[in-house]
Amino acid sequence: MKKNGVRFEIVSEKEAENYLCRNTYFFKLKAYDVLFEKYQYGEKKGKYVNLDFAYLKELAIIDMHLRHFLLKTTVDIEHIIKVRFMRDFVNSESDGYEIIEQFMIAFPDTKDKI
């Protein structure tokens, strides 16, 4: 990373090493570097412009929080949908066989999975 112009001023090299060993892995963190500008000309061509490891670390942390939020949200949505399905089935005048038959008509690809 250092060879490609990533600096270690805000986060030291030792802190970066510890972060990579304990929190994430190099290639995941490396994926965020595409968001940063590189020098186009001159001696530093191809190296990052003012990219500190701390910026990559912050993006990884934001990604982790987003992942946790989305996971919790999708689990909550799944639960709400299941509760509504059960409420609708229980309050339906249909019996279980009719409900399954209607389901099979609506979703014929699931026939082999039930």
PDB file of N, CA and C in Angstrom:
ATOM      1  N   MET A   1       0.833  -1.183   0.000  1.00  0.00           N
ATOM      2  CA  MET A   1       0.000   0.000   0.000  1.00  0.00           C
ATOM      3  C   MET A   1       0.885   1.256   0.000  1.00  0.00           C
ATOM      4  N   LYS A   2       1.890   1.201   0.816  1.00  0.00           N
ATOM      5  CA  LYS A   2       2.803   2.336   0.915  1.00  0.00           C
ATOM      6  C   LYS A   2       3.459   2.615  -0.434  1.00  0.00           C
ATOM      7  N   LYS A   3       3.825   1.543  -1.136  1.00  0.00           N
ATOM      8  CA  LYS A   3       4.458   1.654  -2.452  1.00  0.00           C
ATOM      9  C   LYS A   3       3.528   2.364  -3.451  1.00  0.00           C
ATOM     10  N   ASN A   4       2.216   2.223  -3.247  1.00  0.00           N
ATOM     11  CA  ASN A   4       1.240   2.837  -4.144  1.00  0.00           C
ATOM     12  C   ASN A   4       0.764   4.206  -3.679  1.00  0.00           C
ATOM     13  N   GLY A   5       1.413   4.742  -2.656  1.00  0.00           N
ATOM     14  CA  GLY A   5       1.114   6.101  -2.231  1.00  0.00           C
ATOM     15  C   GLY A   5       0.160   6.219  -1.055  1.00  0.00           C
ATOM     16  N   VAL A   6      -0.249   5.103  -0.464  1.00  0.00           N
ATOM     17  CA  VAL A   6      -1.097   5.174   0.731  1.00  0.00           C
ATOM     18  C   VAL A   6      -0.212   5.626   1.886  1.00  0.00           C
ATOM     19  N   ARG A   7      -0.696   6.644   2.595  1.00  0.00           N
ATOM     20  CA  ARG A   7       0.060   7.193   3.718  1.00  0.00           C
ATOM     21  C   ARG A   7      -0.409   6.569   5.027  1.00  0.00           C
ATOM     22  N   PHE A   8       0.420   6.691   6.037  1.00  0.00           N
ATOM     23  CA  PHE A   8       0.102   6.195   7.376  1.00  0.00           C
ATOM     24  C   PHE A   8       0.408   7.296   8.383  1.00  0.00           C
ATOM     25  N   GLU A   9      -0.259   8.437   8.205  1.00  0.00           N
ATOM     26  CA  GLU A   9      -0.042   9.577   9.079  1.00  0.00           C
ATOM     27  C   GLU A   9      -1.107   9.656  10.163  1.00  0.00           C
ATOM     28  N   ILE A  10      -2.362   9.443   9.801  1.00  0.00           N
ATOM     29  CA  ILE A  10      -3.451   9.483  10.781  1.00  0.00           C
ATOM     30  C   ILE A  10      -3.482   8.174  11.566  1.00  0.00           C
ATOM     31  N   VAL A  11      -3.291   7.082  10.855  1.00  0.00           N
ATOM     32  CA  VAL A  11      -3.198   5.743  11.448  1.00  0.00           C
ATOM     33  C   VAL A  11      -1.789   5.243  11.137  1.00  0.00           C
ATOM     34  N   SER A  12      -1.075   4.833  12.163  1.00  0.00           N
ATOM     35  CA  SER A  12       0.297   4.358  11.953  1.00  0.00           C
ATOM     36  C   SER A  12       0.292   3.006  11.251  1.00  0.00           C
ATOM     37  N   GLU A  13       1.453   2.629  10.743  1.00  0.00           N
ATOM     38  CA  GLU A  13       1.570   1.323  10.085  1.00  0.00           C
ATOM     39  C   GLU A  13       1.259   0.190  11.058  1.00  0.00           C
ATOM     40  N   LYS A  14       1.686   0.327  12.290  1.00  0.00           N
ATOM     41  CA  LYS A  14       1.431  -0.707  13.305  1.00  0.00           C
ATOM     42  C   LYS A  14      -0.073  -0.802  13.590  1.00  0.00           C
ATOM     43  N   GLU A  15      -0.732   0.340  13.732  1.00  0.00           N
ATOM     44  CA  GLU A  15      -2.192   0.338  13.952  1.00  0.00           C
ATOM     45  C   GLU A  15      -2.918  -0.276  12.753  1.00  0.00           C
ATOM     46  N   ALA A  16      -2.450   0.044  11.559  1.00  0.00           N
ATOM     47  CA  ALA A  16      -3.050  -0.511  10.336  1.00  0.00           C
ATOM     48  C   ALA A  16      -2.881  -2.025  10.307  1.00  0.00           C
ATOM     49  N   GLU A  17      -1.706  -2.486  10.660  1.00  0.00           N
ATOM     50  CA  GLU A  17      -1.450  -3.928  10.700  1.00  0.00           C
ATOM     51  C   GLU A  17      -2.374  -4.608  11.709  1.00  0.00           C
ATOM     52  N   ASN A  18      -2.503  -4.027  12.878  1.00  0.00           N
ATOM     53  CA  ASN A  18      -3.402  -4.582  13.904  1.00  0.00           C
ATOM     54  C   ASN A  18      -4.845  -4.594  13.423  1.00  0.00           C
ATOM     55  N   TYR A  19      -5.258  -3.518  12.760  1.00  0.00           N
ATOM     56  CA  TYR A  19      -6.632  -3.439  12.252  1.00  0.00           C
ATOM     57  C   TYR A  19      -6.890  -4.532  11.214  1.00  0.00           C
ATOM     58  N   LEU A  20      -5.943  -4.716  10.317  1.00  0.00           N
ATOM     59  CA  LEU A  20      -6.098  -5.744   9.287  1.00  0.00           C
ATOM     60  C   LEU A  20      -6.095  -7.155   9.882  1.00  0.00           C
ATOM     61  N   CYS A  21      -5.324  -7.366  10.917  1.00  0.00           N
ATOM     62  CA  CYS A  21      -5.264  -8.696  11.545  1.00  0.00           C
ATOM     63  C   CYS A  21      -6.508  -9.002  12.369  1.00  0.00           C
ATOM     64  N   ARG A  22      -7.125  -7.981  12.946  1.00  0.00           N
ATOM     65  CA  ARG A  22      -8.216  -8.219  13.891  1.00  0.00           C
ATOM     66  C   ARG A  22      -9.616  -7.894  13.366  1.00  0.00           C
ATOM     67  N   ASN A  23      -9.725  -7.047  12.350  1.00  0.00           N
ATOM     68  CA  ASN A  23     -11.043  -6.541  11.971  1.00  0.00           C
ATOM     69  C   ASN A  23     -11.501  -6.845  10.554  1.00  0.00           C
ATOM     70  N   THR A  24     -10.590  -6.930   9.636  1.00  0.00           N
ATOM     71  CA  THR A  24     -10.978  -7.132   8.240  1.00  0.00           C
ATOM     72  C   THR A  24      -9.816  -7.783   7.515  1.00  0.00           C
ATOM     73  N   TYR A  25      -9.885  -7.835   6.231  1.00  0.00           N
ATOM     74  CA  TYR A  25      -8.790  -8.411   5.474  1.00  0.00           C
ATOM     75  C   TYR A  25      -8.386  -7.446   4.366  1.00  0.00           C
ATOM     76  N   PHE A  26      -7.174  -7.599   3.904  1.00  0.00           N
ATOM     77  CA  PHE A  26      -6.562  -6.645   2.985  1.00  0.00           C
ATOM     78  C   PHE A  26      -7.395  -6.391   1.738  1.00  0.00           C
ATOM     79  N   PHE A  27      -7.856  -7.441   1.067  1.00  0.00           N
ATOM     80  CA  PHE A  27      -8.524  -7.261  -0.221  1.00  0.00           C
ATOM     81  C   PHE A  27      -9.873  -6.551  -0.085  1.00  0.00           C
ATOM     82  N   LYS A  28     -10.532  -6.718   1.047  1.00  0.00           N
ATOM     83  CA  LYS A  28     -11.779  -5.984   1.266  1.00  0.00           C
ATOM     84  C   LYS A  28     -11.471  -4.493   1.415  1.00  0.00           C
ATOM     85  N   LEU A  29     -10.478  -4.184   2.211  1.00  0.00           N
ATOM     86  CA  LEU A  29     -10.086  -2.790   2.417  1.00  0.00           C
ATOM     87  C   LEU A  29      -9.544  -2.185   1.131  1.00  0.00           C
ATOM     88  N   LYS A  30      -8.792  -2.981   0.401  1.00  0.00           N
ATOM     89  CA  LYS A  30      -8.189  -2.526  -0.858  1.00  0.00           C
ATOM     90  C   LYS A  30      -9.261  -2.139  -1.883  1.00  0.00           C
ATOM     91  N   ALA A  31     -10.416  -2.776  -1.818  1.00  0.00           N
ATOM     92  CA  ALA A  31     -11.485  -2.491  -2.780  1.00  0.00           C
ATOM     93  C   ALA A  31     -11.956  -1.037  -2.707  1.00  0.00           C
ATOM     94  N   TYR A  32     -11.805  -0.411  -1.557  1.00  0.00           N
ATOM     95  CA  TYR A  32     -12.255   0.977  -1.409  1.00  0.00           C
ATOM     96  C   TYR A  32     -11.309   1.977  -2.076  1.00  0.00           C
ATOM     97  N   ASP A  33     -10.103   1.575  -2.391  1.00  0.00           N
ATOM     98  CA  ASP A  33      -9.147   2.532  -2.943  1.00  0.00           C
ATOM     99  C   ASP A  33      -9.531   3.042  -4.327  1.00  0.00           C
ATOM    100  N   VAL A  34     -10.432   2.340  -5.007  1.00  0.00           N
ATOM    101  CA  VAL A  34     -10.870   2.806  -6.335  1.00  0.00           C
ATOM    102  C   VAL A  34     -11.638   4.122  -6.244  1.00  0.00           C
ATOM    103  N   LEU A  35     -12.068   4.478  -5.056  1.00  0.00           N
ATOM    104  CA  LEU A  35     -12.809   5.730  -4.867  1.00  0.00           C
ATOM    105  C   LEU A  35     -11.891   6.947  -4.797  1.00  0.00           C
ATOM    106  N   PHE A  36     -10.593   6.708  -4.740  1.00  0.00           N
ATOM    107  CA  PHE A  36      -9.654   7.798  -4.528  1.00  0.00           C
ATOM    108  C   PHE A  36      -8.845   8.090  -5.791  1.00  0.00           C
ATOM    109  N   GLU A  37      -8.527   9.349  -5.931  1.00  0.00           N
ATOM    110  CA  GLU A  37      -7.811   9.844  -7.110  1.00  0.00           C
ATOM    111  C   GLU A  37      -6.352   9.399  -7.107  1.00  0.00           C
ATOM    112  N   LYS A  38      -5.856   9.177  -8.312  1.00  0.00           N
ATOM    113  CA  LYS A  38      -4.438   8.856  -8.502  1.00  0.00           C
ATOM    114  C   LYS A  38      -3.805   9.941  -9.360  1.00  0.00           C
ATOM    115  N   TYR A  39      -2.531  10.119  -9.167  1.00  0.00           N
ATOM    116  CA  TYR A  39      -1.795  11.045 -10.016  1.00  0.00           C
ATOM    117  C   TYR A  39      -1.813  10.515 -11.444  1.00  0.00           C
ATOM    118  N   GLN A  40      -2.058  11.405 -12.399  1.00  0.00           N
ATOM    119  CA  GLN A  40      -2.137  11.012 -13.802  1.00  0.00           C
ATOM    120  C   GLN A  40      -0.823  11.209 -14.551  1.00  0.00           C
ATOM    121  N   TYR A  41       0.016  12.104 -14.032  1.00  0.00           N
ATOM    122  CA  TYR A  41       1.255  12.439 -14.740  1.00  0.00           C
ATOM    123  C   TYR A  41       2.405  12.567 -13.748  1.00  0.00           C
ATOM    124  N   GLY A  42       3.577  12.581 -14.295  1.00  0.00           N
ATOM    125  CA  GLY A  42       4.770  12.881 -13.515  1.00  0.00           C
ATOM    126  C   GLY A  42       5.335  11.712 -12.738  1.00  0.00           C
ATOM    127  N   GLU A  43       6.198  12.056 -11.831  1.00  0.00           N
ATOM    128  CA  GLU A  43       6.931  11.088 -11.035  1.00  0.00           C
ATOM    129  C   GLU A  43       6.013  10.200 -10.180  1.00  0.00           C
ATOM    130  N   LYS A  44       4.885  10.744  -9.734  1.00  0.00           N
ATOM    131  CA  LYS A  44       3.960  10.003  -8.866  1.00  0.00           C
ATOM    132  C   LYS A  44       2.813   9.348  -9.635  1.00  0.00           C
ATOM    133  N   LYS A  45       2.925   9.298 -10.948  1.00  0.00           N
ATOM    134  CA  LYS A  45       1.855   8.727 -11.774  1.00  0.00           C
ATOM    135  C   LYS A  45       1.454   7.332 -11.254  1.00  0.00           C
ATOM    136  N   GLY A  46       0.152   7.144 -11.077  1.00  0.00           N
ATOM    137  CA  GLY A  46      -0.372   5.865 -10.619  1.00  0.00           C
ATOM    138  C   GLY A  46      -0.463   5.730  -9.107  1.00  0.00           C
ATOM    139  N   LYS A  47       0.121   6.681  -8.374  1.00  0.00           N
ATOM    140  CA  LYS A  47       0.051   6.654  -6.910  1.00  0.00           C
ATOM    141  C   LYS A  47      -1.135   7.505  -6.438  1.00  0.00           C
ATOM    142  N   TYR A  48      -1.617   7.178  -5.268  1.00  0.00           N
ATOM    143  CA  TYR A  48      -2.786   7.882  -4.734  1.00  0.00           C
ATOM    144  C   TYR A  48      -2.446   9.297  -4.303  1.00  0.00           C
ATOM    145  N   VAL A  49      -3.428  10.179  -4.503  1.00  0.00           N
ATOM    146  CA  VAL A  49      -3.291  11.567  -4.101  1.00  0.00           C
ATOM    147  C   VAL A  49      -3.882  11.695  -2.694  1.00  0.00           C
ATOM    148  N   ASN A  50      -3.035  11.967  -1.715  1.00  0.00           N
ATOM    149  CA  ASN A  50      -3.477  12.219  -0.341  1.00  0.00           C
ATOM    150  C   ASN A  50      -4.398  11.134   0.226  1.00  0.00           C
ATOM    151  N   LEU A  51      -4.060   9.899   0.034  1.00  0.00           N
ATOM    152  CA  LEU A  51      -4.852   8.804   0.597  1.00  0.00           C
ATOM    153  C   LEU A  51      -4.147   8.248   1.827  1.00  0.00           C
ATOM    154  N   ASP A  52      -4.788   8.427   2.960  1.00  0.00           N
ATOM    155  CA  ASP A  52      -4.271   7.870   4.202  1.00  0.00           C
ATOM    156  C   ASP A  52      -5.024   6.582   4.504  1.00  0.00           C
ATOM    157  N   PHE A  53      -4.371   5.630   5.135  1.00  0.00           N
ATOM    158  CA  PHE A  53      -4.998   4.366   5.509  1.00  0.00           C
ATOM    159  C   PHE A  53      -6.267   4.610   6.328  1.00  0.00           C
ATOM    160  N   ALA A  54      -6.277   5.669   7.108  1.00  0.00           N
ATOM    161  CA  ALA A  54      -7.437   5.988   7.953  1.00  0.00           C
ATOM    162  C   ALA A  54      -8.712   6.141   7.125  1.00  0.00           C
ATOM    163  N   TYR A  55      -8.607   6.665   5.914  1.00  0.00           N
ATOM    164  CA  TYR A  55      -9.792   6.848   5.061  1.00  0.00           C
ATOM    165  C   TYR A  55     -10.360   5.489   4.644  1.00  0.00           C
ATOM    166  N   LEU A  56      -9.470   4.566   4.313  1.00  0.00           N
ATOM    167  CA  LEU A  56      -9.912   3.216   3.947  1.00  0.00           C
ATOM    168  C   LEU A  56     -10.550   2.524   5.154  1.00  0.00           C
ATOM    169  N   LYS A  57      -9.945   2.715   6.305  1.00  0.00           N
ATOM    170  CA  LYS A  57     -10.471   2.130   7.542  1.00  0.00           C
ATOM    171  C   LYS A  57     -11.876   2.670   7.830  1.00  0.00           C
ATOM    172  N   GLU A  58     -12.065   3.964   7.677  1.00  0.00           N
ATOM    173  CA  GLU A  58     -13.391   4.557   7.929  1.00  0.00           C
ATOM    174  C   GLU A  58     -14.441   4.010   6.966  1.00  0.00           C
ATOM    175  N   LEU A  59     -14.079   3.831   5.712  1.00  0.00           N
ATOM    176  CA  LEU A  59     -15.021   3.254   4.755  1.00  0.00           C
ATOM    177  C   LEU A  59     -15.389   1.820   5.133  1.00  0.00           C
ATOM    178  N   ALA A  60     -14.419   1.070   5.628  1.00  0.00           N
ATOM    179  CA  ALA A  60     -14.696  -0.303   6.068  1.00  0.00           C
ATOM    180  C   ALA A  60     -15.650  -0.296   7.267  1.00  0.00           C
ATOM    181  N   ILE A  61     -15.481   0.655   8.156  1.00  0.00           N
ATOM    182  CA  ILE A  61     -16.355   0.763   9.331  1.00  0.00           C
ATOM    183  C   ILE A  61     -17.766   1.159   8.909  1.00  0.00           C
ATOM    184  N   ILE A  62     -17.874   2.107   7.987  1.00  0.00           N
ATOM    185  CA  ILE A  62     -19.193   2.492   7.464  1.00  0.00           C
ATOM    186  C   ILE A  62     -19.862   1.291   6.805  1.00  0.00           C
ATOM    187  N   ASP A  63     -19.096   0.526   6.022  1.00  0.00           N
ATOM    188  CA  ASP A  63     -19.616  -0.671   5.363  1.00  0.00           C
ATOM    189  C   ASP A  63     -20.139  -1.676   6.394  1.00  0.00           C
ATOM    190  N   MET A  64     -19.394  -1.865   7.480  1.00  0.00           N
ATOM    191  CA  MET A  64     -19.807  -2.799   8.530  1.00  0.00           C
ATOM    192  C   MET A  64     -21.119  -2.349   9.165  1.00  0.00           C
ATOM    193  N   HIS A  65     -21.235  -1.049   9.482  1.00  0.00           N
ATOM    194  CA  HIS A  65     -22.474  -0.543  10.085  1.00  0.00           C
ATOM    195  C   HIS A  65     -23.648  -0.679   9.116  1.00  0.00           C
ATOM    196  N   LEU A  66     -23.412  -0.412   7.852  1.00  0.00           N
ATOM    197  CA  LEU A  66     -24.472  -0.571   6.848  1.00  0.00           C
ATOM    198  C   LEU A  66     -24.899  -2.031   6.749  1.00  0.00           C
ATOM    199  N   ARG A  67     -23.930  -2.934   6.734  1.00  0.00           N
ATOM    200  CA  ARG A  67     -24.234  -4.375   6.672  1.00  0.00           C
ATOM    201  C   ARG A  67     -25.067  -4.805   7.873  1.00  0.00           C
ATOM    202  N   HIS A  68     -24.684  -4.375   9.078  1.00  0.00           N
ATOM    203  CA  HIS A  68     -25.444  -4.722  10.280  1.00  0.00           C
ATOM    204  C   HIS A  68     -26.851  -4.143  10.235  1.00  0.00           C
ATOM    205  N   PHE A  69     -26.978  -2.908   9.785  1.00  0.00           N
ATOM    206  CA  PHE A  69     -28.297  -2.275   9.673  1.00  0.00           C
ATOM    207  C   PHE A  69     -29.184  -3.028   8.688  1.00  0.00           C
ATOM    208  N   LEU A  70     -28.627  -3.353   7.515  1.00  0.00           N
ATOM    209  CA  LEU A  70     -29.415  -4.054   6.499  1.00  0.00           C
ATOM    210  C   LEU A  70     -29.808  -5.457   6.957  1.00  0.00           C
ATOM    211  N   LEU A  71     -28.893  -6.143   7.633  1.00  0.00           N
ATOM    212  CA  LEU A  71     -29.211  -7.476   8.127  1.00  0.00           C
ATOM    213  C   LEU A  71     -30.341  -7.419   9.146  1.00  0.00           C
ATOM    214  N   LYS A  72     -30.253  -6.507  10.095  1.00  0.00           N
ATOM    215  CA  LYS A  72     -31.310  -6.366  11.106  1.00  0.00           C
ATOM    216  C   LYS A  72     -32.630  -5.983  10.438  1.00  0.00           C
ATOM    217  N   THR A  73     -32.566  -5.074   9.496  1.00  0.00           N
ATOM    218  CA  THR A  73     -33.775  -4.620   8.812  1.00  0.00           C
ATOM    219  C   THR A  73     -34.424  -5.756   8.026  1.00  0.00           C
ATOM    220  N   THR A  74     -33.638  -6.536   7.306  1.00  0.00           N
ATOM    221  CA  THR A  74     -34.235  -7.616   6.519  1.00  0.00           C
ATOM    222  C   THR A  74     -34.820  -8.704   7.416  1.00  0.00           C
ATOM    223  N   VAL A  75     -34.188  -8.973   8.547  1.00  0.00           N
ATOM    224  CA  VAL A  75     -34.738  -9.952   9.494  1.00  0.00           C
ATOM    225  C   VAL A  75     -36.060  -9.430  10.058  1.00  0.00           C
ATOM    226  N   ASP A  76     -36.117  -8.146  10.372  1.00  0.00           N
ATOM    227  CA  ASP A  76     -37.369  -7.550  10.868  1.00  0.00           C
ATOM    228  C   ASP A  76     -38.470  -7.599   9.810  1.00  0.00           C
ATOM    229  N   ILE A  77     -38.121  -7.305   8.575  1.00  0.00           N
ATOM    230  CA  ILE A  77     -39.100  -7.351   7.478  1.00  0.00           C
ATOM    231  C   ILE A  77     -39.608  -8.776   7.291  1.00  0.00           C
ATOM    232  N   GLU A  78     -38.703  -9.748   7.318  1.00  0.00           N
ATOM    233  CA  GLU A  78     -39.106 -11.149   7.199  1.00  0.00           C
ATOM    234  C   GLU A  78     -40.100 -11.514   8.301  1.00  0.00           C
ATOM    235  N   HIS A  79     -39.818 -11.102   9.525  1.00  0.00           N
ATOM    236  CA  HIS A  79     -40.699 -11.406  10.647  1.00  0.00           C
ATOM    237  C   HIS A  79     -42.085 -10.779  10.453  1.00  0.00           C
ATOM    238  N   ILE A  80     -42.112  -9.520  10.046  1.00  0.00           N
ATOM    239  CA  ILE A  80     -43.391  -8.823   9.839  1.00  0.00           C
ATOM    240  C   ILE A  80     -44.207  -9.526   8.760  1.00  0.00           C
ATOM    241  N   ILE A  81     -43.566  -9.911   7.675  1.00  0.00           N
ATOM    242  CA  ILE A  81     -44.276 -10.606   6.585  1.00  0.00           C
ATOM    243  C   ILE A  81     -44.836 -11.937   7.071  1.00  0.00           C
ATOM    244  N   LYS A  82     -44.046 -12.696   7.818  1.00  0.00           N
ATOM    245  CA  LYS A  82     -44.517 -13.979   8.337  1.00  0.00           C
ATOM    246  C   LYS A  82     -45.706 -13.792   9.290  1.00  0.00           C
ATOM    247  N   VAL A  83     -45.634 -12.782  10.146  1.00  0.00           N
ATOM    248  CA  VAL A  83     -46.742 -12.510  11.068  1.00  0.00           C
ATOM    249  C   VAL A  83     -48.006 -12.160  10.291  1.00  0.00           C
ATOM    250  N   ARG A  84     -47.873 -11.345   9.267  1.00  0.00           N
ATOM    251  CA  ARG A  84     -49.045 -10.970   8.454  1.00  0.00           C
ATOM    252  C   ARG A  84     -49.607 -12.168   7.698  1.00  0.00           C
ATOM    253  N   PHE A  85     -48.716 -13.019   7.149  1.00  0.00           N
ATOM    254  CA  PHE A  85     -49.187 -14.241   6.481  1.00  0.00           C
ATOM    255  C   PHE A  85     -49.981 -15.103   7.451  1.00  0.00           C
ATOM    256  N   MET A  86     -49.413 -15.322   8.631  1.00  0.00           N
ATOM    257  CA  MET A  86     -50.095 -16.171   9.614  1.00  0.00           C
ATOM    258  C   MET A  86     -51.435 -15.564  10.027  1.00  0.00           C
ATOM    259  N   ARG A  87     -51.464 -14.256  10.243  1.00  0.00           N
ATOM    260  CA  ARG A  87     -52.718 -13.587  10.601  1.00  0.00           C
ATOM    261  C   ARG A  87     -53.757 -13.775   9.499  1.00  0.00           C
ATOM    262  N   ASP A  88     -53.331 -13.574   8.256  1.00  0.00           N
ATOM    263  CA  ASP A  88     -54.255 -13.730   7.131  1.00  0.00           C
ATOM    264  C   ASP A  88     -54.730 -15.168   6.993  1.00  0.00           C
ATOM    265  N   PHE A  89     -53.843 -16.130   7.204  1.00  0.00           N
ATOM    266  CA  PHE A  89     -54.232 -17.539   7.104  1.00  0.00           C
ATOM    267  C   PHE A  89     -55.202 -17.918   8.221  1.00  0.00           C
ATOM    268  N   VAL A  90     -54.900 -17.483   9.434  1.00  0.00           N
ATOM    269  CA  VAL A  90     -55.750 -17.820  10.584  1.00  0.00           C
ATOM    270  C   VAL A  90     -57.126 -17.181  10.442  1.00  0.00           C
ATOM    271  N   ASN A  91     -57.172 -15.969   9.949  1.00  0.00           N
ATOM    272  CA  ASN A  91     -58.446 -15.254   9.815  1.00  0.00           C
ATOM    273  C   ASN A  91     -59.182 -15.599   8.524  1.00  0.00           C
ATOM    274  N   SER A  92     -58.589 -16.454   7.713  1.00  0.00           N
ATOM    275  CA  SER A  92     -59.199 -16.835   6.444  1.00  0.00           C
ATOM    276  C   SER A  92     -60.270 -17.897   6.682  1.00  0.00           C
ATOM    277  N   GLU A  93     -61.255 -17.897   5.834  1.00  0.00           N
ATOM    278  CA  GLU A  93     -62.289 -18.923   5.916  1.00  0.00           C
ATOM    279  C   GLU A  93     -61.852 -20.196   5.192  1.00  0.00           C
ATOM    280  N   SER A  94     -60.704 -20.147   4.559  1.00  0.00           N
ATOM    281  CA  SER A  94     -60.178 -21.306   3.842  1.00  0.00           C
ATOM    282  C   SER A  94     -59.524 -22.265   4.825  1.00  0.00           C
ATOM    283  N   ASP A  95     -59.454 -23.533   4.419  1.00  0.00           N
ATOM    284  CA  ASP A  95     -58.692 -24.464   5.236  1.00  0.00           C
ATOM    285  C   ASP A  95     -57.255 -24.528   4.706  1.00  0.00           C
ATOM    286  N   GLY A  96     -56.385 -25.220   5.412  1.00  0.00           N
ATOM    287  CA  GLY A  96     -54.974 -25.293   5.045  1.00  0.00           C
ATOM    288  C   GLY A  96     -54.733 -25.850   3.656  1.00  0.00           C
ATOM    289  N   TYR A  97     -55.570 -26.828   3.249  1.00  0.00           N
ATOM    290  CA  TYR A  97     -55.397 -27.430   1.933  1.00  0.00           C
ATOM    291  C   TYR A  97     -55.674 -26.411   0.826  1.00  0.00           C
ATOM    292  N   GLU A  98     -56.689 -25.605   1.025  1.00  0.00           N
ATOM    293  CA  GLU A  98     -57.037 -24.593   0.018  1.00  0.00           C
ATOM    294  C   GLU A  98     -55.940 -23.526  -0.077  1.00  0.00           C
ATOM    295  N   ILE A  99     -55.404 -23.152   1.067  1.00  0.00           N
ATOM    296  CA  ILE A  99     -54.332 -22.146   1.083  1.00  0.00           C
ATOM    297  C   ILE A  99     -53.120 -22.669   0.310  1.00  0.00           C
ATOM    298  N   ILE A 100     -52.732 -23.938   0.557  1.00  0.00           N
ATOM    299  CA  ILE A 100     -51.586 -24.523  -0.150  1.00  0.00           C
ATOM    300  C   ILE A 100     -51.882 -24.622  -1.644  1.00  0.00           C
ATOM    301  N   GLU A 101     -53.091 -24.992  -1.989  1.00  0.00           N
ATOM    302  CA  GLU A 101     -53.475 -25.095  -3.405  1.00  0.00           C
ATOM    303  C   GLU A 101     -53.355 -23.741  -4.094  1.00  0.00           C
ATOM    304  N   GLN A 102     -53.822 -22.682  -3.434  1.00  0.00           N
ATOM    305  CA  GLN A 102     -53.724 -21.334  -4.003  1.00  0.00           C
ATOM    306  C   GLN A 102     -52.252 -20.912  -4.133  1.00  0.00           C
ATOM    307  N   PHE A 103     -51.466 -21.282  -3.139  1.00  0.00           N
ATOM    308  CA  PHE A 103     -50.039 -20.970  -3.177  1.00  0.00           C
ATOM    309  C   PHE A 103     -49.379 -21.662  -4.366  1.00  0.00           C
ATOM    310  N   MET A 104     -49.716 -22.938  -4.565  1.00  0.00           N
ATOM    311  CA  MET A 104     -49.124 -23.716  -5.664  1.00  0.00           C
ATOM    312  C   MET A 104     -49.513 -23.135  -7.022  1.00  0.00           C
ATOM    313  N   ILE A 105     -50.714 -22.599  -7.133  1.00  0.00           N
ATOM    314  CA  ILE A 105     -51.146 -21.972  -8.380  1.00  0.00           C
ATOM    315  C   ILE A 105     -50.367 -20.674  -8.603  1.00  0.00           C
ATOM    316  N   ALA A 106     -50.215 -19.896  -7.520  1.00  0.00           N
ATOM    317  CA  ALA A 106     -49.515 -18.603  -7.626  1.00  0.00           C
ATOM    318  C   ALA A 106     -48.021 -18.781  -7.851  1.00  0.00           C
ATOM    319  N   PHE A 107     -47.433 -19.834  -7.273  1.00  0.00           N
ATOM    320  CA  PHE A 107     -45.991 -20.063  -7.371  1.00  0.00           C
ATOM    321  C   PHE A 107     -45.726 -21.503  -7.830  1.00  0.00           C
ATOM    322  N   PRO A 108     -45.956 -21.790  -9.093  1.00  0.00           N
ATOM    323  CA  PRO A 108     -45.819 -23.174  -9.576  1.00  0.00           C
ATOM    324  C   PRO A 108     -44.387 -23.719  -9.494  1.00  0.00           C
ATOM    325  N   ASP A 109     -43.383 -22.858  -9.482  1.00  0.00           N
ATOM    326  CA  ASP A 109     -41.997 -23.332  -9.426  1.00  0.00           C
ATOM    327  C   ASP A 109     -41.654 -23.954  -8.077  1.00  0.00           C
ATOM    328  N   THR A 110     -42.465 -23.732  -7.055  1.00  0.00           N
ATOM    329  CA  THR A 110     -42.181 -24.275  -5.731  1.00  0.00           C
ATOM    330  C   THR A 110     -42.750 -25.666  -5.535  1.00  0.00           C
ATOM    331  N   LYS A 111     -43.457 -26.181  -6.513  1.00  0.00           N
ATOM    332  CA  LYS A 111     -44.144 -27.466  -6.406  1.00  0.00           C
ATOM    333  C   LYS A 111     -43.208 -28.590  -5.945  1.00  0.00           C
ATOM    334  N   ASP A 112     -42.005 -28.655  -6.494  1.00  0.00           N
ATOM    335  CA  ASP A 112     -41.058 -29.713  -6.148  1.00  0.00           C
ATOM    336  C   ASP A 112     -40.385 -29.500  -4.805  1.00  0.00           C
ATOM    337  N   LYS A 113     -40.520 -28.322  -4.248  1.00  0.00           N
ATOM    338  CA  LYS A 113     -39.827 -27.992  -3.009  1.00  0.00           C
ATOM    339  C   LYS A 113     -40.692 -28.197  -1.778  1.00  0.00           C
ATOM    340  N   ILE A 114     -41.974 -28.471  -1.965  1.00  0.00           N
ATOM    341  CA  ILE A 114     -42.888 -28.627  -0.820  1.00  0.00           C
ATOM    342  C   ILE A 114     -43.094 -30.097  -0.548  1.00  0.00           C
TER     343      ILE A 114
END
